[in-house]
Amino acid sequence: QVQLVESGGGLVQAGGSLRLSCAVSERIFGSYWMGWFRQAPGKEREFVATINWSGALPYYGDSVKGRFRISRDNAKNTVYLQMNSLKSEDTAVYYCAAARGYGRSWSEYEYWGQGTQVTVSS
């Protein structure tokens, strides 16, 4: 059974930082691209970032480029999302996901975590 478990969400003031973590089953972690998506109430699920199996190739959505950083620790089977300069529009449920290759659409991801809430107060 493949599991993805997010943690690190919470309430933060605008301009602040948070780091999300996603612990992933060892069975898939070393060979899958790992991504982060987010979904705000009434909106579609939005691509945030993705990174290849080695960690050498990160890609970002336009709305977070320059503020967020995705990374992974293959020894710990964990992927991270460092979020800086947070804005109220970053408020959403953040999901960790795994895909066999590069992708920016949620439909390209095979496995999903349960999500973690991030709320940015202005």
N, C-alpha and C. Protein backbone atom coordinates (compact mmCIF):
# COMPACT_ATOMS: atom_id res chain seq x y z
N GLN A 1 0.84 -1.20 0.00
CA GLN A 1 0.00 0.00 0.00
C GLN A 1 0.87 1.25 0.00
N VAL A 2 0.60 2.15 -0.92
CA VAL A 2 1.37 3.39 -1.02
C VAL A 2 0.71 4.45 -0.14
N GLN A 3 1.54 5.12 0.65
CA GLN A 3 1.02 6.18 1.49
C GLN A 3 1.82 7.45 1.32
N LEU A 4 1.12 8.58 1.30
CA LEU A 4 1.71 9.90 1.31
C LEU A 4 1.05 10.66 2.46
N VAL A 5 1.87 11.16 3.37
CA VAL A 5 1.33 11.81 4.55
C VAL A 5 1.95 13.19 4.69
N GLU A 6 1.11 14.24 4.52
CA GLU A 6 1.58 15.61 4.63
C GLU A 6 1.54 16.07 6.08
N SER A 7 2.40 17.04 6.37
CA SER A 7 2.39 17.70 7.68
C SER A 7 2.99 19.09 7.51
N GLY A 8 2.80 19.92 8.54
CA GLY A 8 3.43 21.23 8.55
C GLY A 8 2.51 22.39 8.24
N GLY A 9 1.27 22.12 7.89
CA GLY A 9 0.35 23.21 7.62
C GLY A 9 -0.02 23.95 8.89
N GLY A 10 -0.70 25.08 8.72
CA GLY A 10 -1.11 25.86 9.88
C GLY A 10 -1.50 27.26 9.49
N LEU A 11 -1.56 28.11 10.51
CA LEU A 11 -1.93 29.51 10.34
C LEU A 11 -0.68 30.37 10.44
N VAL A 12 -0.51 31.27 9.48
CA VAL A 12 0.67 32.14 9.46
C VAL A 12 0.25 33.52 8.96
N GLN A 13 0.94 34.53 9.39
CA GLN A 13 0.65 35.88 8.92
C GLN A 13 1.26 36.12 7.55
N ALA A 14 0.65 37.01 6.82
CA ALA A 14 1.19 37.38 5.51
C ALA A 14 2.64 37.83 5.64
N GLY A 15 3.47 37.39 4.72
CA GLY A 15 4.89 37.68 4.77
C GLY A 15 5.70 36.63 5.50
N GLY A 16 5.02 35.73 6.17
CA GLY A 16 5.70 34.69 6.94
C GLY A 16 6.07 33.49 6.10
N SER A 17 6.55 32.45 6.79
CA SER A 17 7.02 31.23 6.11
C SER A 17 6.46 29.99 6.79
N LEU A 18 6.35 28.94 6.00
CA LEU A 18 5.98 27.62 6.49
C LEU A 18 6.74 26.59 5.66
N ARG A 19 7.00 25.45 6.27
CA ARG A 19 7.58 24.34 5.51
C ARG A 19 6.67 23.13 5.63
N LEU A 20 6.21 22.66 4.50
CA LEU A 20 5.41 21.44 4.46
C LEU A 20 6.30 20.24 4.21
N SER A 21 5.93 19.13 4.79
CA SER A 21 6.64 17.87 4.58
C SER A 21 5.66 16.82 4.09
N CYS A 22 6.16 15.87 3.33
CA CYS A 22 5.34 14.76 2.86
C CYS A 22 6.18 13.49 2.95
N ALA A 23 5.79 12.60 3.85
CA ALA A 23 6.46 11.32 4.00
C ALA A 23 5.82 10.32 3.03
N VAL A 24 6.66 9.64 2.27
CA VAL A 24 6.18 8.80 1.18
C VAL A 24 6.64 7.36 1.36
N SER A 25 5.81 6.43 0.96
CA SER A 25 6.19 5.02 1.01
C SER A 25 7.47 4.78 0.22
N GLU A 26 8.35 3.99 0.83
CA GLU A 26 9.65 3.73 0.21
C GLU A 26 9.49 3.04 -1.14
N ARG A 27 8.43 2.31 -1.30
CA ARG A 27 8.24 1.51 -2.52
C ARG A 27 8.26 2.35 -3.78
N ILE A 28 7.80 3.60 -3.70
CA ILE A 28 7.72 4.42 -4.92
C ILE A 28 8.64 5.62 -4.90
N PHE A 29 9.12 6.01 -3.72
CA PHE A 29 9.73 7.33 -3.61
C PHE A 29 10.92 7.51 -4.53
N GLY A 30 11.79 6.54 -4.63
CA GLY A 30 13.02 6.71 -5.38
C GLY A 30 12.85 6.81 -6.88
N SER A 31 11.70 6.44 -7.41
CA SER A 31 11.53 6.40 -8.86
C SER A 31 10.41 7.30 -9.36
N TYR A 32 9.75 8.02 -8.49
CA TYR A 32 8.64 8.87 -8.89
C TYR A 32 8.99 10.34 -8.78
N TRP A 33 8.41 11.13 -9.67
CA TRP A 33 8.39 12.58 -9.50
C TRP A 33 7.42 12.89 -8.36
N MET A 34 7.77 13.88 -7.57
CA MET A 34 6.93 14.29 -6.47
C MET A 34 6.44 15.72 -6.70
N GLY A 35 5.16 15.94 -6.47
CA GLY A 35 4.60 17.26 -6.72
C GLY A 35 3.77 17.76 -5.56
N TRP A 36 3.54 19.07 -5.58
CA TRP A 36 2.63 19.71 -4.64
C TRP A 36 1.56 20.44 -5.44
N PHE A 37 0.35 20.28 -5.02
CA PHE A 37 -0.79 21.00 -5.58
C PHE A 37 -1.52 21.68 -4.42
N ARG A 38 -2.38 22.61 -4.76
CA ARG A 38 -3.21 23.24 -3.73
C ARG A 38 -4.60 23.50 -4.28
N GLN A 39 -5.55 23.57 -3.36
CA GLN A 39 -6.92 23.83 -3.76
C GLN A 39 -7.59 24.72 -2.73
N ALA A 40 -8.02 25.88 -3.19
CA ALA A 40 -8.75 26.82 -2.34
C ALA A 40 -10.25 26.58 -2.54
N PRO A 41 -11.07 26.97 -1.57
CA PRO A 41 -12.52 26.75 -1.69
C PRO A 41 -13.09 27.36 -2.97
N GLY A 42 -13.85 26.56 -3.70
CA GLY A 42 -14.48 27.05 -4.92
C GLY A 42 -13.57 27.15 -6.12
N LYS A 43 -12.32 26.73 -5.96
CA LYS A 43 -11.36 26.82 -7.07
C LYS A 43 -10.87 25.44 -7.47
N GLU A 44 -10.30 25.36 -8.68
CA GLU A 44 -9.74 24.10 -9.16
C GLU A 44 -8.40 23.83 -8.47
N ARG A 45 -8.02 22.55 -8.48
CA ARG A 45 -6.73 22.18 -7.92
C ARG A 45 -5.62 22.78 -8.79
N GLU A 46 -4.68 23.46 -8.15
CA GLU A 46 -3.66 24.23 -8.85
C GLU A 46 -2.28 23.62 -8.67
N PHE A 47 -1.53 23.53 -9.73
CA PHE A 47 -0.15 23.05 -9.68
C PHE A 47 0.72 24.05 -8.92
N VAL A 48 1.52 23.55 -7.99
CA VAL A 48 2.43 24.40 -7.22
C VAL A 48 3.88 24.14 -7.63
N ALA A 49 4.29 22.87 -7.54
CA ALA A 49 5.68 22.54 -7.84
C ALA A 49 5.82 21.04 -8.04
N THR A 50 6.89 20.66 -8.74
CA THR A 50 7.22 19.26 -8.90
C THR A 50 8.73 19.11 -8.97
N ILE A 51 9.20 17.91 -8.66
CA ILE A 51 10.64 17.68 -8.66
C ILE A 51 10.91 16.24 -9.09
N ASN A 52 12.00 16.04 -9.82
CA ASN A 52 12.28 14.70 -10.32
C ASN A 52 12.87 13.82 -9.23
N TRP A 53 13.15 12.56 -9.57
CA TRP A 53 13.54 11.58 -8.57
C TRP A 53 14.85 11.94 -7.88
N SER A 54 15.76 12.59 -8.59
CA SER A 54 17.07 12.91 -8.00
C SER A 54 17.05 14.23 -7.24
N GLY A 55 16.05 15.05 -7.49
CA GLY A 55 16.01 16.36 -6.87
C GLY A 55 16.68 17.45 -7.66
N ALA A 56 17.20 17.12 -8.82
CA ALA A 56 17.96 18.08 -9.61
C ALA A 56 17.09 18.96 -10.49
N LEU A 57 15.84 18.56 -10.70
CA LEU A 57 14.98 19.28 -11.64
C LEU A 57 13.68 19.71 -10.96
N PRO A 58 13.68 20.89 -10.34
CA PRO A 58 12.44 21.43 -9.77
C PRO A 58 11.73 22.35 -10.78
N TYR A 59 10.42 22.33 -10.74
CA TYR A 59 9.62 23.21 -11.58
C TYR A 59 8.52 23.81 -10.71
N TYR A 60 8.11 25.04 -11.07
CA TYR A 60 7.16 25.76 -10.23
C TYR A 60 6.03 26.37 -11.04
N GLY A 61 4.89 26.51 -10.38
CA GLY A 61 3.81 27.26 -10.96
C GLY A 61 4.13 28.75 -10.93
N ASP A 62 3.56 29.50 -11.85
CA ASP A 62 3.90 30.92 -11.97
C ASP A 62 3.56 31.70 -10.71
N SER A 63 2.52 31.31 -10.00
CA SER A 63 2.08 32.09 -8.84
C SER A 63 2.99 31.93 -7.64
N VAL A 64 3.86 30.93 -7.64
CA VAL A 64 4.73 30.70 -6.49
C VAL A 64 6.21 30.82 -6.82
N LYS A 65 6.53 30.99 -8.08
CA LYS A 65 7.93 31.04 -8.52
C LYS A 65 8.66 32.17 -7.80
N GLY A 66 9.83 31.84 -7.24
CA GLY A 66 10.61 32.83 -6.53
C GLY A 66 10.28 32.93 -5.05
N ARG A 67 9.17 32.33 -4.62
CA ARG A 67 8.79 32.38 -3.20
C ARG A 67 8.82 30.99 -2.56
N PHE A 68 8.49 29.97 -3.33
CA PHE A 68 8.43 28.60 -2.81
C PHE A 68 9.61 27.80 -3.35
N ARG A 69 10.02 26.79 -2.58
CA ARG A 69 11.08 25.91 -3.02
C ARG A 69 10.74 24.47 -2.68
N ILE A 70 10.79 23.61 -3.68
CA ILE A 70 10.54 22.19 -3.47
C ILE A 70 11.87 21.46 -3.38
N SER A 71 11.94 20.50 -2.48
CA SER A 71 13.15 19.70 -2.34
C SER A 71 12.76 18.31 -1.86
N ARG A 72 13.71 17.39 -1.92
CA ARG A 72 13.43 16.04 -1.45
C ARG A 72 14.66 15.45 -0.81
N ASP A 73 14.43 14.62 0.19
CA ASP A 73 15.49 13.89 0.87
C ASP A 73 15.22 12.41 0.63
N ASN A 74 15.95 11.83 -0.30
CA ASN A 74 15.69 10.43 -0.66
C ASN A 74 16.05 9.46 0.46
N ALA A 75 16.94 9.86 1.33
CA ALA A 75 17.29 9.00 2.46
C ALA A 75 16.16 8.91 3.47
N LYS A 76 15.32 9.94 3.51
CA LYS A 76 14.20 9.98 4.46
C LYS A 76 12.86 9.75 3.78
N ASN A 77 12.86 9.51 2.47
CA ASN A 77 11.61 9.32 1.71
C ASN A 77 10.64 10.47 1.96
N THR A 78 11.17 11.68 1.92
CA THR A 78 10.36 12.85 2.25
C THR A 78 10.58 13.95 1.22
N VAL A 79 9.50 14.61 0.86
CA VAL A 79 9.56 15.78 -0.01
C VAL A 79 9.07 16.99 0.79
N TYR A 80 9.69 18.13 0.52
CA TYR A 80 9.39 19.34 1.27
C TYR A 80 8.92 20.45 0.34
N LEU A 81 8.17 21.37 0.93
CA LEU A 81 7.81 22.60 0.24
C LEU A 81 8.06 23.75 1.19
N GLN A 82 9.12 24.50 0.95
CA GLN A 82 9.42 25.68 1.73
C GLN A 82 8.67 26.84 1.12
N MET A 83 7.82 27.47 1.92
CA MET A 83 6.99 28.56 1.44
C MET A 83 7.37 29.85 2.16
N ASN A 84 7.85 30.82 1.41
CA ASN A 84 8.27 32.10 1.96
C ASN A 84 7.41 33.23 1.39
N SER A 85 7.46 34.36 2.05
CA SER A 85 6.71 35.54 1.60
C SER A 85 5.25 35.19 1.31
N LEU A 86 4.64 34.51 2.24
CA LEU A 86 3.28 34.03 2.02
C LEU A 86 2.28 35.16 1.91
N LYS A 87 1.29 34.94 1.05
CA LYS A 87 0.24 35.91 0.80
C LYS A 87 -1.11 35.28 1.15
N SER A 88 -2.11 36.13 1.33
CA SER A 88 -3.43 35.60 1.66
C SER A 88 -3.94 34.67 0.55
N GLU A 89 -3.57 34.94 -0.68
CA GLU A 89 -4.03 34.10 -1.79
C GLU A 89 -3.35 32.73 -1.83
N ASP A 90 -2.39 32.50 -0.95
CA ASP A 90 -1.78 31.17 -0.83
C ASP A 90 -2.61 30.26 0.07
N THR A 91 -3.63 30.80 0.69
CA THR A 91 -4.49 30.01 1.56
C THR A 91 -5.18 28.91 0.76
N ALA A 92 -5.00 27.67 1.20
CA ALA A 92 -5.56 26.52 0.48
C ALA A 92 -5.23 25.25 1.24
N VAL A 93 -5.82 24.15 0.79
CA VAL A 93 -5.36 22.83 1.22
C VAL A 93 -4.25 22.42 0.25
N TYR A 94 -3.13 22.02 0.82
CA TYR A 94 -1.97 21.63 0.01
C TYR A 94 -1.86 20.10 0.00
N TYR A 95 -1.69 19.57 -1.20
CA TYR A 95 -1.61 18.13 -1.40
C TYR A 95 -0.26 17.73 -1.97
N CYS A 96 0.26 16.65 -1.46
CA CYS A 96 1.44 16.01 -2.00
C CYS A 96 0.99 14.91 -2.95
N ALA A 97 1.73 14.72 -4.05
CA ALA A 97 1.31 13.71 -5.03
C ALA A 97 2.53 13.12 -5.72
N ALA A 98 2.36 11.92 -6.29
CA ALA A 98 3.45 11.22 -6.95
C ALA A 98 3.06 10.83 -8.36
N ALA A 99 4.00 11.02 -9.29
CA ALA A 99 3.75 10.71 -10.69
C ALA A 99 4.94 9.97 -11.28
N ARG A 100 4.69 9.24 -12.34
CA ARG A 100 5.77 8.47 -12.97
C ARG A 100 6.69 9.35 -13.80
N GLY A 101 6.22 10.54 -14.15
CA GLY A 101 7.04 11.46 -14.94
C GLY A 101 6.67 12.89 -14.66
N TYR A 102 7.28 13.79 -15.43
CA TYR A 102 6.98 15.21 -15.27
C TYR A 102 5.53 15.50 -15.60
N GLY A 103 4.90 16.35 -14.78
CA GLY A 103 3.53 16.73 -15.06
C GLY A 103 3.12 17.95 -14.27
N ARG A 104 2.24 18.76 -14.85
CA ARG A 104 1.72 19.95 -14.19
C ARG A 104 0.22 19.86 -13.99
N SER A 105 -0.38 18.79 -14.44
CA SER A 105 -1.82 18.59 -14.28
C SER A 105 -2.07 17.54 -13.21
N TRP A 106 -3.10 17.79 -12.39
CA TRP A 106 -3.38 16.84 -11.31
C TRP A 106 -3.69 15.46 -11.85
N SER A 107 -4.22 15.39 -13.07
CA SER A 107 -4.61 14.10 -13.63
C SER A 107 -3.42 13.21 -13.96
N GLU A 108 -2.22 13.79 -13.98
CA GLU A 108 -1.03 13.02 -14.30
C GLU A 108 -0.41 12.36 -13.07
N TYR A 109 -0.99 12.61 -11.91
CA TYR A 109 -0.44 12.10 -10.66
C TYR A 109 -1.23 10.89 -10.18
N GLU A 110 -0.49 9.88 -9.80
CA GLU A 110 -1.08 8.57 -9.49
C GLU A 110 -1.46 8.41 -8.03
N TYR A 111 -0.65 8.96 -7.14
CA TYR A 111 -0.89 8.80 -5.71
C TYR A 111 -1.00 10.17 -5.05
N TRP A 112 -1.85 10.25 -4.01
CA TRP A 112 -2.13 11.53 -3.35
C TRP A 112 -2.14 11.37 -1.84
N GLY A 113 -1.72 12.43 -1.17
CA GLY A 113 -1.89 12.50 0.27
C GLY A 113 -3.26 13.04 0.62
N GLN A 114 -3.52 13.16 1.90
CA GLN A 114 -4.84 13.59 2.36
C GLN A 114 -4.98 15.11 2.42
N GLY A 115 -3.86 15.83 2.32
CA GLY A 115 -3.89 17.28 2.31
C GLY A 115 -3.63 17.89 3.67
N THR A 116 -3.09 19.09 3.67
CA THR A 116 -2.85 19.85 4.89
C THR A 116 -3.25 21.30 4.65
N GLN A 117 -3.94 21.88 5.61
CA GLN A 117 -4.47 23.24 5.45
C GLN A 117 -3.40 24.27 5.75
N VAL A 118 -3.29 25.23 4.85
CA VAL A 118 -2.44 26.40 5.07
C VAL A 118 -3.34 27.64 5.00
N THR A 119 -3.30 28.42 6.06
CA THR A 119 -4.10 29.64 6.11
C THR A 119 -3.18 30.82 6.36
N VAL A 120 -3.25 31.80 5.48
CA VAL A 120 -2.41 33.00 5.60
C VAL A 120 -3.32 34.17 5.93
N SER A 121 -3.08 34.78 7.06
CA SER A 121 -3.91 35.91 7.49
C SER A 121 -3.25 37.22 7.05
N SER A 122 -4.09 38.13 6.60
CA SER A 122 -3.56 39.41 6.13
C SER A 122 -3.60 40.47 7.22
